[in-house]
Amino acid sequence: MNFDDVIYKRRSIRNYDANKKVSKEQILEMIKVAQQAPSWKNSQTARYYAIFNPNKLLEVRHCLAEQNQSVTKDVNVLLVTTYVKNRSGFTREGVSENELGNGWGCYDLGLQNALLCLKATDMGIDSVILGLRDGDALRKVLNIPETEDVGAVIALGYRSIIDIPAPKRKSINDILTILE
């Protein structure tokens, strides 16, 4: 699949086929590609927690908003994404280098998450990034250190509905300002 095909094929899928499973090897391949994303001064602060264990999956699902619990019921793996705080966007001494502070860690994590989801699409695997979650509960369930902030939960699996139309996008004129 060429790059444009991957971009235009990717959708946020909310209905999965419970009989088709994503493997640990596939997750490793996605994360290897995600690591190629740029980051502030190559700080590489993104971290991933891949949950395959059925009991732990249930615990993680209970940390999600109700609608996201139902979205994830048929996937065999969830990725909880975090980033190391006070590193991306900061000097080595821990001083914020601009007004965004830890916003850069979140930005860098988003870049990695986007590449991960695009690689999943390239592999025939579907995804949805879930932001409605209880970060403190996830921290407790997964023993995430206080040095990391919880970003999102990514559900990965195989869609149960084949044809999903693309959502309408804003016009280029609505989002682009050209200064000549």
C-alpha atoms as a PDB file:
ATOM      1  CA  MET A   1       0.000   0.000   0.000  1.00  0.00           C
ATOM      2  CA  ASN A   2       1.440   3.416  -0.859  1.00  0.00           C
ATOM      3  CA  PHE A   3       1.578   6.232   1.699  1.00  0.00           C
ATOM      4  CA  ASP A   4      -1.472   8.130   0.422  1.00  0.00           C
ATOM      5  CA  ASP A   5      -3.539   4.920   0.399  1.00  0.00           C
ATOM      6  CA  VAL A   6      -2.647   4.311   4.048  1.00  0.00           C
ATOM      7  CA  ILE A   7      -3.609   7.880   4.997  1.00  0.00           C
ATOM      8  CA  TYR A   8      -6.957   7.759   3.213  1.00  0.00           C
ATOM      9  CA  LYS A   9      -7.830   4.210   4.319  1.00  0.00           C
ATOM     10  CA  ARG A  10      -7.290   4.783   8.069  1.00  0.00           C
ATOM     11  CA  ARG A  11     -10.464   5.212  10.114  1.00  0.00           C
ATOM     12  CA  SER A  12     -11.290   5.331  13.819  1.00  0.00           C
ATOM     13  CA  ILE A  13     -13.017   1.974  14.166  1.00  0.00           C
ATOM     14  CA  ARG A  14     -15.502   1.359  16.967  1.00  0.00           C
ATOM     15  CA  ASN A  15     -16.716  -2.167  16.072  1.00  0.00           C
ATOM     16  CA  TYR A  16     -14.239  -5.044  16.082  1.00  0.00           C
ATOM     17  CA  ASP A  17     -14.289  -8.728  15.177  1.00  0.00           C
ATOM     18  CA  ALA A  18     -13.665 -10.613  18.453  1.00  0.00           C
ATOM     19  CA  ASN A  19     -12.431 -13.683  16.543  1.00  0.00           C
ATOM     20  CA  LYS A  20      -9.444 -11.939  14.944  1.00  0.00           C
ATOM     21  CA  LYS A  21      -6.477 -11.246  17.203  1.00  0.00           C
ATOM     22  CA  VAL A  22      -3.539  -8.847  17.041  1.00  0.00           C
ATOM     23  CA  SER A  23      -0.223 -10.508  17.950  1.00  0.00           C
ATOM     24  CA  LYS A  24       2.615  -9.272  20.149  1.00  0.00           C
ATOM     25  CA  GLU A  25       4.883  -9.380  17.081  1.00  0.00           C
ATOM     26  CA  GLN A  26       2.521  -7.022  15.255  1.00  0.00           C
ATOM     27  CA  ILE A  27       2.555  -4.615  18.216  1.00  0.00           C
ATOM     28  CA  LEU A  28       6.366  -4.674  18.210  1.00  0.00           C
ATOM     29  CA  GLU A  29       6.390  -3.835  14.503  1.00  0.00           C
ATOM     30  CA  MET A  30       4.001  -0.897  15.034  1.00  0.00           C
ATOM     31  CA  ILE A  31       6.037   0.519  17.914  1.00  0.00           C
ATOM     32  CA  LYS A  32       9.286   0.147  15.964  1.00  0.00           C
ATOM     33  CA  VAL A  33       7.799   2.348  13.238  1.00  0.00           C
ATOM     34  CA  ALA A  34       6.285   4.785  15.772  1.00  0.00           C
ATOM     35  CA  GLN A  35       9.759   5.325  17.239  1.00  0.00           C
ATOM     36  CA  GLN A  36      10.783   6.978  13.964  1.00  0.00           C
ATOM     37  CA  ALA A  37       8.602  10.012  14.735  1.00  0.00           C
ATOM     38  CA  PRO A  38      10.448  13.246  15.406  1.00  0.00           C
ATOM     39  CA  SER A  39      10.647  14.431  19.008  1.00  0.00           C
ATOM     40  CA  TRP A  40      11.938  17.532  20.792  1.00  0.00           C
ATOM     41  CA  LYS A  41      15.736  17.325  20.678  1.00  0.00           C
ATOM     42  CA  ASN A  42      15.357  13.589  19.997  1.00  0.00           C
ATOM     43  CA  SER A  43      14.137  13.149  23.582  1.00  0.00           C
ATOM     44  CA  GLN A  44      12.029  10.062  22.676  1.00  0.00           C
ATOM     45  CA  THR A  45       9.787  10.300  25.734  1.00  0.00           C
ATOM     46  CA  ALA A  46       6.866   8.144  24.517  1.00  0.00           C
ATOM     47  CA  ARG A  47       6.157   4.948  26.452  1.00  0.00           C
ATOM     48  CA  TYR A  48       3.698   2.145  25.694  1.00  0.00           C
ATOM     49  CA  TYR A  49       1.933  -0.381  27.899  1.00  0.00           C
ATOM     50  CA  ALA A  50       0.562  -3.258  25.783  1.00  0.00           C
ATOM     51  CA  ILE A  51      -2.168  -5.135  27.624  1.00  0.00           C
ATOM     52  CA  PHE A  52      -2.939  -8.648  26.371  1.00  0.00           C
ATOM     53  CA  ASN A  53      -3.808 -10.382  29.641  1.00  0.00           C
ATOM     54  CA  PRO A  54      -7.640 -10.805  29.721  1.00  0.00           C
ATOM     55  CA  ASN A  55      -7.937  -9.945  33.425  1.00  0.00           C
ATOM     56  CA  LYS A  56      -5.747  -6.856  33.041  1.00  0.00           C
ATOM     57  CA  LEU A  57      -7.710  -5.855  29.901  1.00  0.00           C
ATOM     58  CA  LEU A  58     -10.884  -5.896  31.989  1.00  0.00           C
ATOM     59  CA  GLU A  59      -9.230  -3.702  34.629  1.00  0.00           C
ATOM     60  CA  VAL A  60      -8.043  -1.247  31.981  1.00  0.00           C
ATOM     61  CA  ARG A  61     -11.496  -1.162  30.333  1.00  0.00           C
ATOM     62  CA  HIS A  62     -12.977  -0.152  33.689  1.00  0.00           C
ATOM     63  CA  CYS A  63     -10.693   2.925  33.558  1.00  0.00           C
ATOM     64  CA  LEU A  64     -12.377   4.077  30.332  1.00  0.00           C
ATOM     65  CA  ALA A  65     -15.523   6.140  29.861  1.00  0.00           C
ATOM     66  CA  GLU A  66     -18.597   3.941  29.427  1.00  0.00           C
ATOM     67  CA  GLN A  67     -18.839   4.436  25.652  1.00  0.00           C
ATOM     68  CA  ASN A  68     -15.165   3.492  25.283  1.00  0.00           C
ATOM     69  CA  GLN A  69     -15.654   0.346  27.355  1.00  0.00           C
ATOM     70  CA  SER A  70     -18.134  -0.894  24.758  1.00  0.00           C
ATOM     71  CA  VAL A  71     -15.840   0.138  21.866  1.00  0.00           C
ATOM     72  CA  THR A  72     -13.020  -2.024  23.282  1.00  0.00           C
ATOM     73  CA  LYS A  73     -15.015  -5.112  24.285  1.00  0.00           C
ATOM     74  CA  ASP A  74     -13.958  -7.169  21.252  1.00  0.00           C
ATOM     75  CA  VAL A  75     -10.238  -6.320  21.008  1.00  0.00           C
ATOM     76  CA  ASN A  76      -7.543  -8.559  22.498  1.00  0.00           C
ATOM     77  CA  VAL A  77      -5.008  -5.750  23.049  1.00  0.00           C
ATOM     78  CA  LEU A  78      -5.064  -2.193  24.302  1.00  0.00           C
ATOM     79  CA  LEU A  79      -2.109   0.174  24.275  1.00  0.00           C
ATOM     80  CA  VAL A  80      -1.881   2.772  27.007  1.00  0.00           C
ATOM     81  CA  THR A  81       0.417   5.544  25.846  1.00  0.00           C
ATOM     82  CA  THR A  82       2.376   7.835  28.154  1.00  0.00           C
ATOM     83  CA  TYR A  83       5.261  10.259  27.963  1.00  0.00           C
ATOM     84  CA  VAL A  84       8.074  11.075  30.352  1.00  0.00           C
ATOM     85  CA  LYS A  85       7.270  14.415  32.019  1.00  0.00           C
ATOM     86  CA  ASN A  86       9.564  17.441  32.105  1.00  0.00           C
ATOM     87  CA  ARG A  87      11.896  16.222  29.351  1.00  0.00           C
ATOM     88  CA  SER A  88      10.461  17.066  25.912  1.00  0.00           C
ATOM     89  CA  GLY A  89      10.348  20.865  25.773  1.00  0.00           C
ATOM     90  CA  PHE A  90      12.739  21.212  28.701  1.00  0.00           C
ATOM     91  CA  THR A  91      16.453  21.734  29.154  1.00  0.00           C
ATOM     92  CA  ARG A  92      18.527  18.940  30.703  1.00  0.00           C
ATOM     93  CA  GLU A  93      18.257  20.924  33.949  1.00  0.00           C
ATOM     94  CA  GLY A  94      14.431  20.667  33.831  1.00  0.00           C
ATOM     95  CA  VAL A  95      13.662  24.253  32.787  1.00  0.00           C
ATOM     96  CA  SER A  96      10.809  24.705  30.301  1.00  0.00           C
ATOM     97  CA  GLU A  97      12.164  26.159  27.057  1.00  0.00           C
ATOM     98  CA  ASN A  98       8.899  27.824  26.006  1.00  0.00           C
ATOM     99  CA  GLU A  99       5.353  28.432  27.208  1.00  0.00           C
ATOM    100  CA  LEU A 100       4.077  24.967  26.215  1.00  0.00           C
ATOM    101  CA  GLY A 101       6.068  23.103  28.868  1.00  0.00           C
ATOM    102  CA  ASN A 102       4.862  19.487  28.944  1.00  0.00           C
ATOM    103  CA  GLY A 103       2.676  20.227  25.933  1.00  0.00           C
ATOM    104  CA  TRP A 104       5.707  19.196  23.880  1.00  0.00           C
ATOM    105  CA  GLY A 105       5.717  15.750  25.491  1.00  0.00           C
ATOM    106  CA  CYS A 106       2.065  15.370  24.586  1.00  0.00           C
ATOM    107  CA  TYR A 107       2.766  16.643  21.055  1.00  0.00           C
ATOM    108  CA  ASP A 108       5.618  14.181  20.566  1.00  0.00           C
ATOM    109  CA  LEU A 109       3.467  11.339  21.889  1.00  0.00           C
ATOM    110  CA  GLY A 110       0.729  12.295  19.433  1.00  0.00           C
ATOM    111  CA  LEU A 111       3.180  12.123  16.546  1.00  0.00           C
ATOM    112  CA  GLN A 112       4.233   8.635  17.613  1.00  0.00           C
ATOM    113  CA  ASN A 113       0.634   7.526  18.122  1.00  0.00           C
ATOM    114  CA  ALA A 114      -0.253   8.756  14.626  1.00  0.00           C
ATOM    115  CA  LEU A 115       2.596   6.791  13.051  1.00  0.00           C
ATOM    116  CA  LEU A 116       1.640   3.720  15.085  1.00  0.00           C
ATOM    117  CA  CYS A 117      -1.971   3.896  13.853  1.00  0.00           C
ATOM    118  CA  LEU A 118      -0.848   4.443  10.257  1.00  0.00           C
ATOM    119  CA  LYS A 119       1.479   1.434  10.471  1.00  0.00           C
ATOM    120  CA  ALA A 120      -1.409  -0.600  11.886  1.00  0.00           C
ATOM    121  CA  THR A 121      -3.508   0.396   8.854  1.00  0.00           C
ATOM    122  CA  ASP A 122      -0.648  -0.577   6.546  1.00  0.00           C
ATOM    123  CA  MET A 123      -0.669  -4.001   8.263  1.00  0.00           C
ATOM    124  CA  GLY A 124      -4.451  -4.378   7.823  1.00  0.00           C
ATOM    125  CA  ILE A 125      -5.129  -3.658  11.504  1.00  0.00           C
ATOM    126  CA  ASP A 126      -7.637  -1.055  12.627  1.00  0.00           C
ATOM    127  CA  SER A 127      -7.445   1.360  15.539  1.00  0.00           C
ATOM    128  CA  VAL A 128      -9.150   4.053  17.532  1.00  0.00           C
ATOM    129  CA  ILE A 129      -7.447   6.502  19.878  1.00  0.00           C
ATOM    130  CA  LEU A 130      -9.443   6.930  23.084  1.00  0.00           C
ATOM    131  CA  GLY A 131      -8.980  10.026  25.209  1.00  0.00           C
ATOM    132  CA  LEU A 132     -11.900   9.585  27.620  1.00  0.00           C
ATOM    133  CA  ARG A 133     -10.169   7.663  30.396  1.00  0.00           C
ATOM    134  CA  ASP A 134      -9.218   7.947  34.056  1.00  0.00           C
ATOM    135  CA  GLY A 135      -5.458   8.572  33.994  1.00  0.00           C
ATOM    136  CA  ASP A 136      -5.049   8.102  37.758  1.00  0.00           C
ATOM    137  CA  ALA A 137      -6.850   4.753  37.652  1.00  0.00           C
ATOM    138  CA  LEU A 138      -4.737   3.625  34.686  1.00  0.00           C
ATOM    139  CA  ARG A 139      -1.589   4.677  36.551  1.00  0.00           C
ATOM    140  CA  LYS A 140      -2.627   2.481  39.490  1.00  0.00           C
ATOM    141  CA  VAL A 141      -3.735  -0.553  37.427  1.00  0.00           C
ATOM    142  CA  LEU A 142      -0.569  -0.539  35.279  1.00  0.00           C
ATOM    143  CA  ASN A 143       1.933   0.720  37.873  1.00  0.00           C
ATOM    144  CA  ILE A 144       2.808   3.704  35.679  1.00  0.00           C
ATOM    145  CA  PRO A 145       5.479   5.785  37.438  1.00  0.00           C
ATOM    146  CA  GLU A 146       4.763   9.355  38.540  1.00  0.00           C
ATOM    147  CA  THR A 147       7.483  10.491  36.109  1.00  0.00           C
ATOM    148  CA  GLU A 148       5.089   9.746  33.206  1.00  0.00           C
ATOM    149  CA  ASP A 149       1.821  11.391  32.166  1.00  0.00           C
ATOM    150  CA  VAL A 150      -0.896   9.195  30.673  1.00  0.00           C
ATOM    151  CA  GLY A 151      -1.803  10.182  27.122  1.00  0.00           C
ATOM    152  CA  ALA A 152      -4.350   7.960  25.433  1.00  0.00           C
ATOM    153  CA  VAL A 153      -5.553   4.396  25.113  1.00  0.00           C
ATOM    154  CA  ILE A 154      -5.363   2.868  21.628  1.00  0.00           C
ATOM    155  CA  ALA A 155      -7.627  -0.040  20.733  1.00  0.00           C
ATOM    156  CA  LEU A 156      -6.229  -2.277  17.986  1.00  0.00           C
ATOM    157  CA  GLY A 157      -8.085  -5.014  16.138  1.00  0.00           C
ATOM    158  CA  TYR A 158      -9.894  -5.948  12.961  1.00  0.00           C
ATOM    159  CA  ARG A 159     -13.071  -4.133  11.985  1.00  0.00           C
ATOM    160  CA  SER A 160     -16.349  -6.018  11.929  1.00  0.00           C
ATOM    161  CA  ILE A 161     -17.913  -3.539   9.482  1.00  0.00           C
ATOM    162  CA  ILE A 162     -16.125  -3.554   6.143  1.00  0.00           C
ATOM    163  CA  ASP A 163     -17.163  -0.307   4.426  1.00  0.00           C
ATOM    164  CA  ILE A 164     -16.741   2.758   6.627  1.00  0.00           C
ATOM    165  CA  PRO A 165     -17.120   6.061   4.783  1.00  0.00           C
ATOM    166  CA  ALA A 166     -14.594   8.796   5.386  1.00  0.00           C
ATOM    167  CA  PRO A 167     -15.796  11.577   7.673  1.00  0.00           C
ATOM    168  CA  LYS A 168     -16.188  14.980   6.066  1.00  0.00           C
ATOM    169  CA  ARG A 169     -13.097  17.152   6.379  1.00  0.00           C
ATOM    170  CA  LYS A 170     -12.941  20.930   6.470  1.00  0.00           C
ATOM    171  CA  SER A 171     -11.968  22.669   3.283  1.00  0.00           C
ATOM    172  CA  ILE A 172      -8.308  23.637   2.840  1.00  0.00           C
ATOM    173  CA  ASN A 173      -9.467  27.279   2.742  1.00  0.00           C
ATOM    174  CA  ASP A 174     -10.920  26.884   6.251  1.00  0.00           C
ATOM    175  CA  ILE A 175      -7.626  25.727   7.777  1.00  0.00           C
ATOM    176  CA  LEU A 176      -4.867  27.333   5.701  1.00  0.00           C
ATOM    177  CA  THR A 177      -3.662  30.918   5.748  1.00  0.00           C
ATOM    178  CA  ILE A 178      -1.094  31.753   3.096  1.00  0.00           C
ATOM    179  CA  LEU A 179       1.014  34.855   3.682  1.00  0.00           C
ATOM    180  CA  GLU A 180       2.694  36.091   0.521  1.00  0.00           C
END
